[in-house]
Every structure is written in C-alpha cells, then in structure tokens.
Amino acid sequence: MEIREVFARNLKAMREARGFSQEELAHRAGIDRTYVSSLERCVYNASIDVVDRLARALDREAAELLKR
C-alpha cells in the first residue's frame, strides 16, 4: 500500500472516530472541504504542512496519519 493510501485510510478513520464530518474537519484545519474529500480519495497529495494541520485538528500527532 502506498503512503498516500495509508494517509487517506488513517485520515478518514481518525475523522470518523472523532465524529467529525469532512466539513467540520476542514473548518478546524483551515482548509477546504473538497480538499479533505480529495485527500481521503487519494486524488491529491498532502503537503507536510497540511498533514500537520489535519493532525492538530484531530488532536493527534502528524506521524499517526502516516503510520502503516
């Protein structure tokens, strides 16, 4: 599994575990909802800054989003 797929799977699982919609997560991270959707579907690659912003919005460490 590619790292982008690992990230997408972890992002969605963590978002759902927190009970966040894509829109709420996007708002908390300061990014667009359609971008969150695209990340979860492996359409786009996230920059390291976006990974950090998403992790902070989920109250997690950035490394957890990339852990296989």
PDB file of N, CA and C in Angstrom:
ATOM      1  N   MET A   1       0.849  -1.177   0.000  1.00  0.00           N
ATOM      2  CA  MET A   1       0.000   0.000   0.000  1.00  0.00           C
ATOM      3  C   MET A   1       0.896   1.242   0.000  1.00  0.00           C
ATOM      4  N   GLU A   2       0.601   2.165  -0.883  1.00  0.00           N
ATOM      5  CA  GLU A   2       1.366   3.408  -0.977  1.00  0.00           C
ATOM      6  C   GLU A   2       1.072   4.303   0.227  1.00  0.00           C
ATOM      7  N   ILE A   3       2.025   5.163   0.543  1.00  0.00           N
ATOM      8  CA  ILE A   3       1.878   6.051   1.701  1.00  0.00           C
ATOM      9  C   ILE A   3       0.657   6.961   1.553  1.00  0.00           C
ATOM     10  N   ARG A   4       0.339   7.342   0.336  1.00  0.00           N
ATOM     11  CA  ARG A   4      -0.847   8.188   0.119  1.00  0.00           C
ATOM     12  C   ARG A   4      -2.122   7.438   0.504  1.00  0.00           C
ATOM     13  N   GLU A   5      -2.162   6.144   0.223  1.00  0.00           N
ATOM     14  CA  GLU A   5      -3.315   5.327   0.599  1.00  0.00           C
ATOM     15  C   GLU A   5      -3.381   5.135   2.109  1.00  0.00           C
ATOM     16  N   VAL A   6      -2.228   4.952   2.730  1.00  0.00           N
ATOM     17  CA  VAL A   6      -2.163   4.832   4.190  1.00  0.00           C
ATOM     18  C   VAL A   6      -2.689   6.111   4.830  1.00  0.00           C
ATOM     19  N   PHE A   7      -2.218   7.242   4.339  1.00  0.00           N
ATOM     20  CA  PHE A   7      -2.662   8.532   4.857  1.00  0.00           C
ATOM     21  C   PHE A   7      -4.169   8.695   4.700  1.00  0.00           C
ATOM     22  N   ALA A   8      -4.687   8.378   3.525  1.00  0.00           N
ATOM     23  CA  ALA A   8      -6.121   8.525   3.252  1.00  0.00           C
ATOM     24  C   ALA A   8      -6.949   7.659   4.198  1.00  0.00           C
ATOM     25  N   ARG A   9      -6.529   6.420   4.373  1.00  0.00           N
ATOM     26  CA  ARG A   9      -7.253   5.497   5.253  1.00  0.00           C
ATOM     27  C   ARG A   9      -7.229   6.000   6.695  1.00  0.00           C
ATOM     28  N   ASN A  10      -6.041   6.415   7.162  1.00  0.00           N
ATOM     29  CA  ASN A  10      -5.915   6.889   8.536  1.00  0.00           C
ATOM     30  C   ASN A  10      -6.692   8.185   8.757  1.00  0.00           C
ATOM     31  N   LEU A  11      -6.627   9.075   7.802  1.00  0.00           N
ATOM     32  CA  LEU A  11      -7.345  10.345   7.915  1.00  0.00           C
ATOM     33  C   LEU A  11      -8.840  10.104   8.077  1.00  0.00           C
ATOM     34  N   LYS A  12      -9.396   9.280   7.223  1.00  0.00           N
ATOM     35  CA  LYS A  12     -10.837   9.001   7.292  1.00  0.00           C
ATOM     36  C   LYS A  12     -11.204   8.310   8.596  1.00  0.00           C
ATOM     37  N   ALA A  13     -10.407   7.324   9.003  1.00  0.00           N
ATOM     38  CA  ALA A  13     -10.700   6.595  10.239  1.00  0.00           C
ATOM     39  C   ALA A  13     -10.643   7.519  11.456  1.00  0.00           C
ATOM     40  N   MET A  14      -9.626   8.375  11.514  1.00  0.00           N
ATOM     41  CA  MET A  14      -9.497   9.292  12.647  1.00  0.00           C
ATOM     42  C   MET A  14     -10.609  10.336  12.642  1.00  0.00           C
ATOM     43  N   ARG A  15     -10.957  10.803  11.456  1.00  0.00           N
ATOM     44  CA  ARG A  15     -12.042  11.789  11.353  1.00  0.00           C
ATOM     45  C   ARG A  15     -13.353  11.176  11.844  1.00  0.00           C
ATOM     46  N   GLU A  16     -13.641   9.976  11.392  1.00  0.00           N
ATOM     47  CA  GLU A  16     -14.884   9.317  11.785  1.00  0.00           C
ATOM     48  C   GLU A  16     -14.881   8.962  13.273  1.00  0.00           C
ATOM     49  N   ALA A  17     -13.729   8.563  13.799  1.00  0.00           N
ATOM     50  CA  ALA A  17     -13.628   8.241  15.228  1.00  0.00           C
ATOM     51  C   ALA A  17     -13.933   9.461  16.096  1.00  0.00           C
ATOM     52  N   ARG A  18     -13.574  10.627  15.617  1.00  0.00           N
ATOM     53  CA  ARG A  18     -13.859  11.873  16.340  1.00  0.00           C
ATOM     54  C   ARG A  18     -15.297  12.351  16.108  1.00  0.00           C
ATOM     55  N   GLY A  19     -15.985  11.724  15.161  1.00  0.00           N
ATOM     56  CA  GLY A  19     -17.355  12.117  14.856  1.00  0.00           C
ATOM     57  C   GLY A  19     -17.437  13.387  14.031  1.00  0.00           C
ATOM     58  N   PHE A  20     -16.340  13.716  13.325  1.00  0.00           N
ATOM     59  CA  PHE A  20     -16.296  14.922  12.502  1.00  0.00           C
ATOM     60  C   PHE A  20     -16.773  14.614  11.085  1.00  0.00           C
ATOM     61  N   SER A  21     -17.520  15.540  10.522  1.00  0.00           N
ATOM     62  CA  SER A  21     -17.795  15.496   9.091  1.00  0.00           C
ATOM     63  C   SER A  21     -16.554  16.029   8.379  1.00  0.00           C
ATOM     64  N   GLN A  22     -16.502  15.815   7.077  1.00  0.00           N
ATOM     65  CA  GLN A  22     -15.390  16.387   6.306  1.00  0.00           C
ATOM     66  C   GLN A  22     -15.408  17.903   6.439  1.00  0.00           C
ATOM     67  N   GLU A  23     -16.584  18.474   6.459  1.00  0.00           N
ATOM     68  CA  GLU A  23     -16.709  19.926   6.559  1.00  0.00           C
ATOM     69  C   GLU A  23     -16.173  20.439   7.900  1.00  0.00           C
ATOM     70  N   GLU A  24     -16.505  19.752   8.978  1.00  0.00           N
ATOM     71  CA  GLU A  24     -16.029  20.194  10.290  1.00  0.00           C
ATOM     72  C   GLU A  24     -14.512  20.072  10.395  1.00  0.00           C
ATOM     73  N   LEU A  25     -13.968  18.958   9.917  1.00  0.00           N
ATOM     74  CA  LEU A  25     -12.519  18.789   9.947  1.00  0.00           C
ATOM     75  C   LEU A  25     -11.837  19.876   9.122  1.00  0.00           C
ATOM     76  N   ALA A  26     -12.363  20.127   7.947  1.00  0.00           N
ATOM     77  CA  ALA A  26     -11.793  21.160   7.082  1.00  0.00           C
ATOM     78  C   ALA A  26     -11.805  22.518   7.778  1.00  0.00           C
ATOM     79  N   HIS A  27     -12.909  22.841   8.415  1.00  0.00           N
ATOM     80  CA  HIS A  27     -13.013  24.119   9.131  1.00  0.00           C
ATOM     81  C   HIS A  27     -11.971  24.206  10.241  1.00  0.00           C
ATOM     82  N   ARG A  28     -11.835  23.152  11.020  1.00  0.00           N
ATOM     83  CA  ARG A  28     -10.875  23.140  12.133  1.00  0.00           C
ATOM     84  C   ARG A  28      -9.431  23.239  11.638  1.00  0.00           C
ATOM     85  N   ALA A  29      -9.170  22.655  10.452  1.00  0.00           N
ATOM     86  CA  ALA A  29      -7.811  22.662   9.902  1.00  0.00           C
ATOM     87  C   ALA A  29      -7.544  23.877   9.016  1.00  0.00           C
ATOM     88  N   GLY A  30      -8.582  24.637   8.702  1.00  0.00           N
ATOM     89  CA  GLY A  30      -8.413  25.821   7.866  1.00  0.00           C
ATOM     90  C   GLY A  30      -8.179  25.501   6.400  1.00  0.00           C
ATOM     91  N   ILE A  31      -8.811  24.417   5.928  1.00  0.00           N
ATOM     92  CA  ILE A  31      -8.706  24.041   4.514  1.00  0.00           C
ATOM     93  C   ILE A  31     -10.109  23.829   3.956  1.00  0.00           C
ATOM     94  N   ASP A  32     -10.212  23.622   2.671  1.00  0.00           N
ATOM     95  CA  ASP A  32     -11.497  23.444   2.004  1.00  0.00           C
ATOM     96  C   ASP A  32     -12.017  22.022   2.174  1.00  0.00           C
ATOM     97  N   ARG A  33     -13.334  21.875   2.331  1.00  0.00           N
ATOM     98  CA  ARG A  33     -13.929  20.553   2.494  1.00  0.00           C
ATOM     99  C   ARG A  33     -13.665  19.650   1.306  1.00  0.00           C
ATOM    100  N   THR A  34     -13.691  20.208   0.108  1.00  0.00           N
ATOM    101  CA  THR A  34     -13.451  19.378  -1.068  1.00  0.00           C
ATOM    102  C   THR A  34     -12.018  18.847  -1.099  1.00  0.00           C
ATOM    103  N   TYR A  35     -11.111  19.572  -0.466  1.00  0.00           N
ATOM    104  CA  TYR A  35      -9.724  19.118  -0.372  1.00  0.00           C
ATOM    105  C   TYR A  35      -9.631  17.916   0.566  1.00  0.00           C
ATOM    106  N   VAL A  36     -10.354  17.965   1.685  1.00  0.00           N
ATOM    107  CA  VAL A  36     -10.390  16.815   2.600  1.00  0.00           C
ATOM    108  C   VAL A  36     -10.937  15.596   1.864  1.00  0.00           C
ATOM    109  N   SER A  37     -12.009  15.786   1.132  1.00  0.00           N
ATOM    110  CA  SER A  37     -12.591  14.697   0.357  1.00  0.00           C
ATOM    111  C   SER A  37     -11.583  14.131  -0.639  1.00  0.00           C
ATOM    112  N   SER A  38     -10.884  15.002  -1.323  1.00  0.00           N
ATOM    113  CA  SER A  38      -9.882  14.569  -2.307  1.00  0.00           C
ATOM    114  C   SER A  38      -8.726  13.825  -1.650  1.00  0.00           C
ATOM    115  N   LEU A  39      -8.326  14.253  -0.470  1.00  0.00           N
ATOM    116  CA  LEU A  39      -7.257  13.552   0.250  1.00  0.00           C
ATOM    117  C   LEU A  39      -7.713  12.154   0.655  1.00  0.00           C
ATOM    118  N   GLU A  40      -8.937  12.042   1.122  1.00  0.00           N
ATOM    119  CA  GLU A  40      -9.458  10.734   1.547  1.00  0.00           C
ATOM    120  C   GLU A  40      -9.646   9.781   0.367  1.00  0.00           C
ATOM    121  N   ARG A  41      -9.782  10.339  -0.824  1.00  0.00           N
ATOM    122  CA  ARG A  41      -9.944   9.501  -2.025  1.00  0.00           C
ATOM    123  C   ARG A  41      -8.646   9.346  -2.809  1.00  0.00           C
ATOM    124  N   CYS A  42      -7.547   9.815  -2.246  1.00  0.00           N
ATOM    125  CA  CYS A  42      -6.215   9.721  -2.874  1.00  0.00           C
ATOM    126  C   CYS A  42      -6.117  10.481  -4.195  1.00  0.00           C
ATOM    127  N   VAL A  43      -6.891  11.537  -4.335  1.00  0.00           N
ATOM    128  CA  VAL A  43      -6.841  12.344  -5.549  1.00  0.00           C
ATOM    129  C   VAL A  43      -5.648  13.290  -5.508  1.00  0.00           C
ATOM    130  N   TYR A  44      -5.398  13.870  -4.326  1.00  0.00           N
ATOM    131  CA  TYR A  44      -4.291  14.811  -4.153  1.00  0.00           C
ATOM    132  C   TYR A  44      -3.300  14.290  -3.128  1.00  0.00           C
ATOM    133  N   ASN A  45      -2.080  14.789  -3.210  1.00  0.00           N
ATOM    134  CA  ASN A  45      -1.063  14.550  -2.189  1.00  0.00           C
ATOM    135  C   ASN A  45      -1.100  15.728  -1.224  1.00  0.00           C
ATOM    136  N   ALA A  46      -1.010  15.439   0.059  1.00  0.00           N
ATOM    137  CA  ALA A  46      -0.999  16.495   1.068  1.00  0.00           C
ATOM    138  C   ALA A  46       0.432  16.957   1.318  1.00  0.00           C
ATOM    139  N   SER A  47       0.595  18.248   1.465  1.00  0.00           N
ATOM    140  CA  SER A  47       1.909  18.768   1.871  1.00  0.00           C
ATOM    141  C   SER A  47       2.114  18.428   3.347  1.00  0.00           C
ATOM    142  N   ILE A  48       3.336  18.492   3.798  1.00  0.00           N
ATOM    143  CA  ILE A  48       3.640  18.206   5.201  1.00  0.00           C
ATOM    144  C   ILE A  48       2.939  19.209   6.110  1.00  0.00           C
ATOM    145  N   ASP A  49       2.766  20.434   5.653  1.00  0.00           N
ATOM    146  CA  ASP A  49       2.051  21.440   6.439  1.00  0.00           C
ATOM    147  C   ASP A  49       0.579  21.072   6.604  1.00  0.00           C
ATOM    148  N   VAL A  50      -0.029  20.572   5.553  1.00  0.00           N
ATOM    149  CA  VAL A  50      -1.439  20.166   5.622  1.00  0.00           C
ATOM    150  C   VAL A  50      -1.582  18.944   6.524  1.00  0.00           C
ATOM    151  N   VAL A  51      -0.657  18.007   6.437  1.00  0.00           N
ATOM    152  CA  VAL A  51      -0.685  16.842   7.329  1.00  0.00           C
ATOM    153  C   VAL A  51      -0.661  17.315   8.787  1.00  0.00           C
ATOM    154  N   ASP A  52       0.194  18.270   9.088  1.00  0.00           N
ATOM    155  CA  ASP A  52       0.292  18.800  10.446  1.00  0.00           C
ATOM    156  C   ASP A  52      -0.999  19.494  10.861  1.00  0.00           C
ATOM    157  N   ARG A  53      -1.573  20.282   9.990  1.00  0.00           N
ATOM    158  CA  ARG A  53      -2.823  20.991  10.322  1.00  0.00           C
ATOM    159  C   ARG A  53      -3.966  20.023  10.575  1.00  0.00           C
ATOM    160  N   LEU A  54      -4.046  18.976   9.753  1.00  0.00           N
ATOM    161  CA  LEU A  54      -5.094  17.970   9.946  1.00  0.00           C
ATOM    162  C   LEU A  54      -4.880  17.209  11.254  1.00  0.00           C
ATOM    163  N   ALA A  55      -3.646  16.848  11.538  1.00  0.00           N
ATOM    164  CA  ALA A  55      -3.346  16.126  12.779  1.00  0.00           C
ATOM    165  C   ALA A  55      -3.725  16.975  13.990  1.00  0.00           C
ATOM    166  N   ARG A  56      -3.372  18.242  13.965  1.00  0.00           N
ATOM    167  CA  ARG A  56      -3.720  19.130  15.084  1.00  0.00           C
ATOM    168  C   ARG A  56      -5.237  19.241  15.246  1.00  0.00           C
ATOM    169  N   ALA A  57      -5.947  19.322  14.135  1.00  0.00           N
ATOM    170  CA  ALA A  57      -7.413  19.414  14.186  1.00  0.00           C
ATOM    171  C   ALA A  57      -8.028  18.136  14.763  1.00  0.00           C
ATOM    172  N   LEU A  58      -7.323  17.023  14.601  1.00  0.00           N
ATOM    173  CA  LEU A  58      -7.790  15.737  15.121  1.00  0.00           C
ATOM    174  C   LEU A  58      -7.205  15.416  16.501  1.00  0.00           C
ATOM    175  N   ASP A  59      -6.431  16.339  17.063  1.00  0.00           N
ATOM    176  CA  ASP A  59      -5.748  16.126  18.343  1.00  0.00           C
ATOM    177  C   ASP A  59      -4.857  14.890  18.309  1.00  0.00           C
ATOM    178  N   ARG A  60      -4.110  14.755  17.224  1.00  0.00           N
ATOM    179  CA  ARG A  60      -3.184  13.643  17.028  1.00  0.00           C
ATOM    180  C   ARG A  60      -1.830  14.171  16.606  1.00  0.00           C
ATOM    181  N   GLU A  61      -0.846  13.284  16.605  1.00  0.00           N
ATOM    182  CA  GLU A  61       0.474  13.598  16.074  1.00  0.00           C
ATOM    183  C   GLU A  61       0.450  13.350  14.561  1.00  0.00           C
ATOM    184  N   ALA A  62       1.168  14.160  13.816  1.00  0.00           N
ATOM    185  CA  ALA A  62       1.207  14.014  12.361  1.00  0.00           C
ATOM    186  C   ALA A  62       1.674  12.614  11.944  1.00  0.00           C
ATOM    187  N   ALA A  63       2.619  12.054  12.689  1.00  0.00           N
ATOM    188  CA  ALA A  63       3.143  10.721  12.366  1.00  0.00           C
ATOM    189  C   ALA A  63       2.058   9.647  12.399  1.00  0.00           C
ATOM    190  N   GLU A  64       1.040   9.841  13.229  1.00  0.00           N
ATOM    191  CA  GLU A  64      -0.042   8.856  13.311  1.00  0.00           C
ATOM    192  C   GLU A  64      -0.831   8.771  12.005  1.00  0.00           C
ATOM    193  N   LEU A  65      -0.912   9.873  11.273  1.00  0.00           N
ATOM    194  CA  LEU A  65      -1.617   9.869   9.993  1.00  0.00           C
ATOM    195  C   LEU A  65      -0.853   9.086   8.933  1.00  0.00           C
ATOM    196  N   LEU A  66       0.434   8.894   9.150  1.00  0.00           N
ATOM    197  CA  LEU A  66       1.267   8.227   8.149  1.00  0.00           C
ATOM    198  C   LEU A  66       1.680   6.817   8.559  1.00  0.00           C
ATOM    199  N   LYS A  67       1.225   6.381   9.718  1.00  0.00           N
ATOM    200  CA  LYS A  67       1.629   5.077  10.244  1.00  0.00           C
ATOM    201  C   LYS A  67       0.894   3.946   9.531  1.00  0.00           C
ATOM    202  N   ARG A  68       1.671   2.992   9.052  1.00  0.00           N
ATOM    203  CA  ARG A  68       1.095   1.828   8.358  1.00  0.00           C
ATOM    204  C   ARG A  68       0.389   0.910   9.323  1.00  0.00           C
TER     205      ARG A  68
END
